[in-house]
Amino acid sequence: MFSTIASRRALVGRNVGGSRRPQARFSARQFSRQRLTIQASDKKSQMHTKLCIIGSGPAAHTAAIYAARANLQPIMFEGAPSPGGPIPGGQLLTTTTVENFPGFPEPIDGWELMYRMKQQSEHHGTQILTELIHNVDFSKRPFELSTGNTLVTADSVIIATGSRAKRLNFPGSESVPEGYYGGGISACAICDGGLPYLRDQPVAVIGGGDSALTEAIHLTHFASKVYIINWIDYLFASKKMQKDIAKYDKIEVLHQTQVAEAHGEDGMLTHVTLKDSCTGEDRKLELTGLFVSIGYLPATGFLDGQVELDQMGYILTAAGTTATSVHGVFAAGDVQDKKFRQAIVAAGSGCMAALEAAEYLETLGGDRSGAQLGAGNRAKPDTAEPCAVDE
């Protein structure tokens, strides 16, 4: 349908109002430098807050909006640009076009959506620090959180640091404009697979686990052809998933194959060079979309084991809540959700975390009428055996 480069660029270049804008987007560093960010001084500072929010994606900002409107005066640590570290603004900053977030009938760029969330957080009174939390101490009351510049004590904490999609490094895999990540290469087929410029076009998924096969099936609803690029000679997905993909004529599995290089024009992917893992031979494959599905890394390393995690590193929360194993500490968004990984789901859990934090804080204020509501945070996290790693 949108087969030409010009058509695809025109679509991706539209803002929420439908007008054209330059293809270049804010980087994470530029996003964090917007005037709405409150920068910390060079001098080590100390402060106290009722609620500290760690993160800056949809979960964090939704929590901040609800908490600020409840007069909790939250402080948010949005992180700082660093190699391999959390992205200030979250993973949506790497998404060119968002079509499935309610309230935007026209496509909206990921950076613009997050910038608006940030504006709304600060409008309601959230203080945002562009610093990265290095250490937490949840054994003390109030809790202690520290960066290189700031020490914060907090009566309650919401962890919304998200997860980061594992990425492969090959020529052309860099973010636009250096490469084609965000211009045809993506880590989320559910998010981006239905974009108009990908419809009725050939696409591919890299991976051999359940997640990769699930995304391949999803893509059959839009693409003309779906390749599964698997570097070994067998799929390690479940037998059921392997039977499921056999039902789809559009899906073709390319075993013992790796992507050697991505190619394109004007920032948009047009084809890849494939390399045979055994013979080393190269061949060209025309593709409009390439989805990397090799797993995610939750941003929980800084917690140093102070809250209970599952075997994949995600924070465990009590069933139906955002309560962690530490009374007064809550988790929202992809840092505790390894299944859906959608912005709207993360936003919803951010709302839950803020409401539960407010209930918990009521119990600290001596008002026992809120004790039963806050008791949910004393529930033991769901410690059922987590899903097996499929990548």
Protein backbone atom coordinates (compact mmCIF):
# COMPACT_ATOMS: atom_id res chain seq x y z
CA MET A 1 0.00 0.00 0.00
CA PHE A 2 2.51 2.62 1.14
CA SER A 3 5.22 1.13 -1.00
CA THR A 4 7.33 4.14 -1.86
CA ILE A 5 9.92 5.74 0.37
CA ALA A 6 8.24 9.12 -0.07
CA SER A 7 4.89 7.78 1.14
CA ARG A 8 6.45 6.15 4.16
CA ARG A 9 8.46 9.22 5.12
CA ALA A 10 5.38 11.42 4.73
CA LEU A 11 3.45 9.23 7.17
CA VAL A 12 6.24 8.95 9.73
CA GLY A 13 6.89 12.68 9.53
CA ARG A 14 3.35 13.68 10.56
CA ASN A 15 2.72 15.15 13.98
CA VAL A 16 -0.46 14.89 15.99
CA GLY A 17 -2.02 17.77 14.10
CA GLY A 18 -1.40 16.11 10.77
CA SER A 19 1.19 18.63 9.49
CA ARG A 20 4.61 17.71 8.23
CA ARG A 21 7.68 18.21 10.38
CA PRO A 22 11.38 17.38 9.93
CA GLN A 23 12.27 13.70 10.28
CA ALA A 24 14.86 14.38 13.00
CA ARG A 25 13.58 13.65 16.51
CA PHE A 26 14.75 14.60 19.97
CA SER A 27 17.45 12.36 21.35
CA ALA A 28 17.29 11.21 24.96
CA ARG A 29 19.85 13.87 25.84
CA GLN A 30 17.90 16.64 24.10
CA PHE A 31 14.68 15.47 25.77
CA SER A 32 16.27 15.72 29.20
CA ARG A 33 17.50 19.25 28.45
CA GLN A 34 14.06 20.70 27.85
CA ARG A 35 13.31 23.67 30.04
CA LEU A 36 10.78 21.71 32.08
CA THR A 37 13.53 19.64 33.66
CA ILE A 38 14.80 20.85 37.01
CA GLN A 39 18.54 20.35 36.95
CA ALA A 40 20.41 19.41 40.10
CA SER A 41 23.29 21.63 41.18
CA ASP A 42 26.89 20.48 41.38
CA LYS A 43 26.73 20.67 45.15
CA LYS A 44 25.51 17.57 46.97
CA SER A 45 21.96 18.32 48.04
CA GLN A 46 19.60 16.64 50.46
CA MET A 47 15.84 16.66 50.43
CA HIS A 48 12.86 14.77 51.77
CA THR A 49 9.65 13.79 49.99
CA LYS A 50 6.52 11.84 50.73
CA LEU A 51 6.92 10.01 47.44
CA CYS A 52 9.92 9.42 45.21
CA ILE A 53 9.36 8.11 41.69
CA ILE A 54 12.23 6.43 39.85
CA GLY A 55 11.76 6.42 36.08
CA SER A 56 10.34 8.64 33.36
CA GLY A 57 8.18 6.56 31.03
CA PRO A 58 4.38 6.33 30.87
CA ALA A 59 4.17 4.50 34.20
CA ALA A 60 6.33 7.04 36.01
CA HIS A 61 4.59 10.11 34.60
CA THR A 62 1.10 8.73 35.19
CA ALA A 63 2.08 7.99 38.78
CA ALA A 64 3.51 11.52 39.07
CA ILE A 65 0.35 13.15 37.72
CA TYR A 66 -1.91 11.28 40.13
CA ALA A 67 0.43 11.79 43.08
CA ALA A 68 0.93 15.50 42.41
CA ARG A 69 -2.83 16.06 42.11
CA ALA A 70 -3.17 14.33 45.50
CA ASN A 71 -0.77 16.94 46.93
CA LEU A 72 1.98 14.39 47.62
CA GLN A 73 4.59 16.70 46.02
CA PRO A 74 6.46 13.84 44.34
CA ILE A 75 10.09 14.00 43.28
CA MET A 76 10.95 12.12 40.09
CA PHE A 77 14.40 10.90 39.09
CA GLU A 78 14.12 10.60 35.31
CA GLY A 79 17.62 9.20 34.86
CA ALA A 80 20.49 10.65 32.87
CA PRO A 81 21.74 9.78 29.37
CA SER A 82 24.41 7.10 29.72
CA PRO A 83 25.67 4.26 27.50
CA GLY A 84 23.46 1.23 28.08
CA GLY A 85 21.54 3.02 30.84
CA PRO A 86 17.86 3.89 31.17
CA ILE A 87 16.60 6.42 28.64
CA PRO A 88 15.14 9.62 30.14
CA GLY A 89 11.64 9.54 28.68
CA GLY A 90 11.49 5.76 28.37
CA GLN A 91 11.41 3.42 25.41
CA LEU A 92 8.80 5.50 23.57
CA LEU A 93 11.60 7.91 22.66
CA THR A 94 12.85 5.23 20.28
CA THR A 95 9.41 4.85 18.65
CA THR A 96 8.80 6.95 15.57
CA THR A 97 5.03 6.72 15.40
CA VAL A 98 2.43 5.79 18.04
CA GLU A 99 -1.05 4.97 16.76
CA ASN A 100 -2.57 3.00 19.65
CA PHE A 101 -2.43 5.43 22.59
CA PRO A 102 -5.97 6.69 23.32
CA GLY A 103 -6.75 10.33 22.62
CA PHE A 104 -4.69 10.76 19.46
CA PRO A 105 -6.65 10.01 16.28
CA GLU A 106 -3.65 11.13 14.22
CA PRO A 107 -0.31 9.31 14.69
CA ILE A 108 1.92 10.95 17.28
CA ASP A 109 5.69 10.56 17.60
CA GLY A 110 6.91 8.78 20.70
CA TRP A 111 9.10 11.70 21.80
CA GLU A 112 6.19 14.13 21.48
CA LEU A 113 3.88 11.90 23.51
CA MET A 114 6.46 11.63 26.29
CA TYR A 115 7.19 15.36 26.18
CA ARG A 116 3.49 16.05 26.72
CA MET A 117 3.39 13.62 29.64
CA LYS A 118 6.38 15.40 31.12
CA GLN A 119 4.70 18.77 30.72
CA GLN A 120 1.61 17.45 32.48
CA SER A 121 3.66 16.02 35.36
CA GLU A 122 5.36 19.32 35.99
CA HIS A 123 2.19 21.31 35.47
CA HIS A 124 0.73 19.53 38.48
CA GLY A 125 3.82 20.11 40.61
CA THR A 126 6.18 17.16 40.13
CA GLN A 127 9.83 18.04 40.67
CA ILE A 128 11.96 16.28 38.06
CA LEU A 129 15.69 15.68 38.48
CA THR A 130 17.78 14.55 35.53
CA GLU A 131 19.89 12.22 37.63
CA LEU A 132 20.40 8.48 37.79
CA ILE A 133 19.74 6.66 41.04
CA HIS A 134 22.83 4.65 41.94
CA ASN A 135 21.94 3.32 45.37
CA VAL A 136 18.85 2.71 47.47
CA ASP A 137 18.51 1.67 51.09
CA PHE A 138 15.09 0.23 51.82
CA SER A 139 16.14 -1.08 55.24
CA LYS A 140 15.85 2.44 56.69
CA ARG A 141 12.70 4.46 57.39
CA PRO A 142 12.39 6.83 55.66
CA PHE A 143 13.95 5.17 52.64
CA GLU A 144 17.20 6.57 51.26
CA LEU A 145 17.99 7.05 47.57
CA SER A 146 21.17 8.61 46.26
CA THR A 147 22.84 9.82 43.09
CA GLY A 148 26.17 11.51 42.63
CA ASN A 149 24.58 14.87 43.44
CA THR A 150 21.52 14.23 45.56
CA LEU A 151 20.45 12.29 48.63
CA VAL A 152 16.71 11.90 49.04
CA THR A 153 14.80 10.44 51.95
CA ALA A 154 11.31 9.27 51.04
CA ASP A 155 8.34 7.92 52.94
CA SER A 156 7.33 5.85 49.91
CA VAL A 157 8.86 4.90 46.56
CA ILE A 158 7.49 3.94 43.14
CA ILE A 159 9.93 2.07 40.92
CA ALA A 160 9.06 2.57 37.24
CA THR A 161 12.43 2.11 35.56
CA GLY A 162 11.07 -0.12 32.79
CA SER A 163 12.95 -2.66 30.73
CA ARG A 164 15.19 -2.38 27.74
CA ALA A 165 14.84 -4.49 24.62
CA LYS A 166 17.96 -6.44 23.80
CA ARG A 167 19.41 -5.16 20.58
CA LEU A 168 21.73 -6.68 18.03
CA ASN A 169 24.72 -4.78 16.73
CA PHE A 170 25.23 -4.92 12.99
CA PRO A 171 25.80 -2.19 10.39
CA GLY A 172 22.57 -0.24 9.98
CA SER A 173 21.10 -1.29 13.34
CA GLU A 174 21.78 2.11 14.91
CA SER A 175 18.99 4.56 15.59
CA VAL A 176 17.87 7.01 12.91
CA PRO A 177 19.61 8.91 11.35
CA GLU A 178 22.81 6.84 11.72
CA GLY A 179 20.90 3.61 11.05
CA TYR A 180 17.35 2.35 10.64
CA TYR A 181 16.22 1.66 14.21
CA GLY A 182 13.02 3.68 14.30
CA GLY A 183 12.88 3.70 10.50
CA GLY A 184 11.76 0.13 9.92
CA ILE A 185 13.76 -1.68 12.60
CA SER A 186 11.87 -2.10 15.87
CA ALA A 187 11.80 -4.20 19.04
CA CYS A 188 8.00 -4.39 19.24
CA ALA A 189 5.86 -5.93 16.51
CA ILE A 190 2.73 -5.46 18.62
CA CYS A 191 3.47 -1.71 18.82
CA ASP A 192 4.66 -1.04 15.29
CA GLY A 193 3.61 -3.96 13.10
CA GLY A 194 0.34 -2.38 12.03
CA LEU A 195 1.78 0.93 10.87
CA PRO A 196 0.43 1.81 7.43
CA TYR A 197 3.84 1.94 5.75
CA LEU A 198 4.45 -1.69 6.77
CA ARG A 199 1.16 -3.06 5.50
CA ASP A 200 1.24 -5.41 2.53
CA GLN A 201 5.03 -5.36 2.68
CA PRO A 202 7.59 -8.09 3.53
CA VAL A 203 8.83 -8.03 7.12
CA ALA A 204 10.98 -10.25 9.34
CA VAL A 205 11.36 -11.20 12.99
CA ILE A 206 14.75 -12.08 14.48
CA GLY A 207 14.51 -14.78 17.13
CA GLY A 208 13.47 -18.36 17.72
CA GLY A 209 11.55 -18.35 20.98
CA ASP A 210 7.88 -18.06 21.87
CA SER A 211 7.97 -14.26 21.79
CA ALA A 212 9.41 -14.19 18.28
CA LEU A 213 6.86 -16.66 16.96
CA THR A 214 4.00 -14.81 18.64
CA GLU A 215 5.10 -11.59 16.97
CA ALA A 216 5.41 -13.34 13.61
CA ILE A 217 1.81 -14.55 13.86
CA HIS A 218 0.68 -11.03 14.78
CA LEU A 219 2.45 -9.62 11.73
CA THR A 220 0.58 -11.96 9.35
CA HIS A 221 -2.48 -9.73 9.81
CA PHE A 222 -0.67 -6.85 8.09
CA ALA A 223 2.38 -7.96 6.11
CA SER A 224 2.50 -9.65 2.72
CA LYS A 225 5.25 -12.01 3.94
CA VAL A 226 6.77 -12.73 7.35
CA TYR A 227 10.24 -14.25 7.71
CA ILE A 228 11.56 -15.66 10.96
CA ILE A 229 15.34 -15.26 11.00
CA ASN A 230 16.85 -17.88 13.30
CA TRP A 231 20.62 -18.19 13.67
CA ILE A 232 20.61 -21.89 14.60
CA ASP A 233 19.07 -24.90 12.83
CA TYR A 234 16.07 -25.35 15.12
CA LEU A 235 13.48 -23.24 16.93
CA PHE A 236 13.61 -23.27 20.73
CA ALA A 237 10.02 -22.09 21.07
CA SER A 238 7.44 -24.43 22.58
CA LYS A 239 6.15 -27.27 20.41
CA LYS A 240 2.70 -25.68 20.47
CA MET A 241 4.02 -22.40 19.04
CA GLN A 242 5.91 -24.27 16.34
CA LYS A 243 2.69 -26.05 15.34
CA ASP A 244 0.83 -22.75 15.35
CA ILE A 245 3.17 -21.01 12.88
CA ALA A 246 2.94 -23.99 10.52
CA LYS A 247 -0.70 -22.99 9.92
CA TYR A 248 0.29 -19.69 8.32
CA ASP A 249 1.34 -19.71 4.67
CA LYS A 250 2.77 -16.20 5.02
CA ILE A 251 5.41 -17.33 7.54
CA GLU A 252 8.74 -18.72 6.36
CA VAL A 253 11.50 -19.75 8.77
CA LEU A 254 15.07 -19.07 7.69
CA HIS A 255 17.27 -21.33 9.81
CA GLN A 256 21.01 -20.86 10.32
CA THR A 257 20.70 -17.30 9.16
CA GLN A 258 21.87 -13.98 10.61
CA VAL A 259 21.37 -10.36 9.60
CA ALA A 260 24.76 -9.05 8.53
CA GLU A 261 23.70 -5.52 7.54
CA ALA A 262 20.63 -3.35 7.13
CA HIS A 263 20.24 -1.05 4.13
CA GLY A 264 17.84 1.71 3.28
CA GLU A 265 17.15 5.12 1.84
CA ASP A 266 16.47 8.42 3.63
CA GLY A 267 16.38 6.74 7.03
CA MET A 268 13.92 4.01 6.00
CA LEU A 269 14.75 0.30 5.76
CA THR A 270 14.55 -1.25 2.28
CA HIS A 271 16.50 -4.53 2.52
CA VAL A 272 18.99 -6.53 4.57
CA THR A 273 22.03 -8.65 3.85
CA LEU A 274 21.68 -12.14 5.31
CA LYS A 275 24.61 -14.39 6.13
CA ASP A 276 24.41 -18.18 6.25
CA SER A 277 25.68 -19.23 9.70
CA CYS A 278 27.34 -22.35 8.25
CA THR A 279 28.69 -21.40 4.84
CA GLY A 280 29.18 -17.68 5.40
CA GLU A 281 27.46 -16.93 2.12
CA ASP A 282 25.56 -13.62 1.79
CA ARG A 283 22.26 -12.90 0.12
CA LYS A 284 19.90 -9.96 -0.18
CA LEU A 285 16.38 -9.95 1.30
CA GLU A 286 13.90 -7.18 0.55
CA LEU A 287 12.29 -5.99 3.80
CA THR A 288 10.29 -2.99 4.92
CA GLY A 289 10.23 -3.98 8.61
CA LEU A 290 12.63 -5.88 10.85
CA PHE A 291 11.62 -6.78 14.41
CA VAL A 292 14.22 -7.89 16.93
CA SER A 293 12.66 -10.29 19.42
CA ILE A 294 15.47 -11.70 21.55
CA GLY A 295 14.29 -10.66 25.01
CA TYR A 296 14.30 -7.73 27.43
CA LEU A 297 16.46 -6.55 30.31
CA PRO A 298 14.54 -5.06 33.27
CA ALA A 299 16.27 -2.07 34.87
CA THR A 300 16.58 -3.49 38.38
CA GLY A 301 20.33 -3.80 38.89
CA PHE A 302 20.53 -0.69 41.09
CA LEU A 303 18.19 -2.31 43.63
CA ASP A 304 20.95 -4.73 44.68
CA GLY A 305 18.47 -7.40 45.72
CA GLN A 306 16.55 -5.21 48.17
CA VAL A 307 13.19 -6.12 46.66
CA GLU A 308 12.19 -9.58 45.55
CA LEU A 309 12.77 -10.33 41.85
CA ASP A 310 11.87 -13.27 39.65
CA GLN A 311 14.50 -15.36 37.89
CA MET A 312 14.46 -12.98 34.91
CA GLY A 313 15.11 -9.90 37.06
CA TYR A 314 11.60 -8.44 37.04
CA ILE A 315 10.15 -7.08 40.29
CA LEU A 316 7.60 -9.38 41.88
CA THR A 317 4.37 -7.70 42.96
CA ALA A 318 1.43 -9.02 44.94
CA ALA A 319 -1.33 -10.28 42.67
CA GLY A 320 -3.63 -7.48 41.52
CA THR A 321 -1.50 -4.73 43.06
CA THR A 322 1.78 -2.89 42.55
CA ALA A 323 3.02 -3.82 46.04
CA THR A 324 6.54 -5.21 46.27
CA SER A 325 8.13 -7.29 49.01
CA VAL A 326 9.07 -4.06 50.85
CA HIS A 327 6.25 -2.28 52.67
CA GLY A 328 5.95 1.21 51.14
CA VAL A 329 7.77 0.41 47.89
CA PHE A 330 5.69 -0.08 44.75
CA ALA A 331 6.55 -1.10 41.18
CA ALA A 332 4.79 -0.06 37.97
CA GLY A 333 5.25 -0.52 34.25
CA ASP A 334 7.57 -2.83 32.36
CA VAL A 335 9.90 -3.29 35.33
CA GLN A 336 7.26 -5.69 36.70
CA ASP A 337 5.42 -6.63 33.49
CA LYS A 338 7.15 -9.09 31.19
CA LYS A 339 4.00 -10.00 29.28
CA PHE A 340 2.28 -6.96 27.76
CA ARG A 341 4.99 -4.26 27.53
CA GLN A 342 2.55 -1.65 26.23
CA ALA A 343 2.56 2.07 27.06
CA ILE A 344 -1.13 2.11 27.96
CA VAL A 345 -0.70 -0.86 30.32
CA ALA A 346 2.29 0.83 31.95
CA ALA A 347 0.30 4.03 32.39
CA GLY A 348 -2.51 2.12 34.07
CA SER A 349 -0.14 0.46 36.51
CA GLY A 350 1.40 3.88 37.24
CA CYS A 351 -2.05 5.08 38.28
CA MET A 352 -2.43 2.01 40.51
CA ALA A 353 0.95 2.63 42.15
CA ALA A 354 0.14 6.27 42.92
CA LEU A 355 -3.22 5.39 44.45
CA GLU A 356 -1.69 2.60 46.52
CA ALA A 357 1.16 4.85 47.65
CA ALA A 358 -1.36 7.49 48.74
CA GLU A 359 -3.27 4.88 50.74
CA TYR A 360 -0.04 3.69 52.33
CA LEU A 361 0.96 7.25 53.28
CA GLU A 362 -2.40 7.69 54.96
CA THR A 363 -1.44 4.92 57.39
CA LEU A 364 1.78 6.76 58.27
CA GLY A 365 -0.09 9.94 59.10
CA GLY A 366 -1.82 8.43 62.10
CA ASP A 367 -5.19 8.29 60.37
CA ARG A 368 -6.09 4.66 61.00
CA SER A 369 -9.13 4.94 58.74
CA GLY A 370 -6.79 4.31 55.83
CA ALA A 371 -5.02 1.37 57.45
CA GLN A 372 -7.09 -1.29 55.76
CA LEU A 373 -6.63 0.29 52.35
CA GLY A 374 -2.89 0.50 52.86
CA ALA A 375 -2.69 -3.06 54.07
CA GLY A 376 -2.48 -4.26 50.48
CA ASN A 377 1.20 -3.36 50.48
CA ARG A 378 1.82 -5.88 53.22
CA ALA A 379 0.72 -8.71 50.98
CA LYS A 380 3.39 -11.16 49.97
CA PRO A 381 4.34 -10.84 46.29
CA ASP A 382 3.21 -13.57 43.97
CA THR A 383 6.07 -16.03 44.24
CA ALA A 384 4.67 -18.60 41.84
CA GLU A 385 7.24 -20.00 39.47
CA PRO A 386 7.82 -17.32 36.81
CA CYS A 387 7.51 -18.03 33.13
CA ALA A 388 10.45 -19.84 31.64
CA VAL A 389 12.96 -17.79 29.69
CA ASP A 390 12.16 -18.34 26.04
CA GLU A 391 15.10 -16.48 24.57
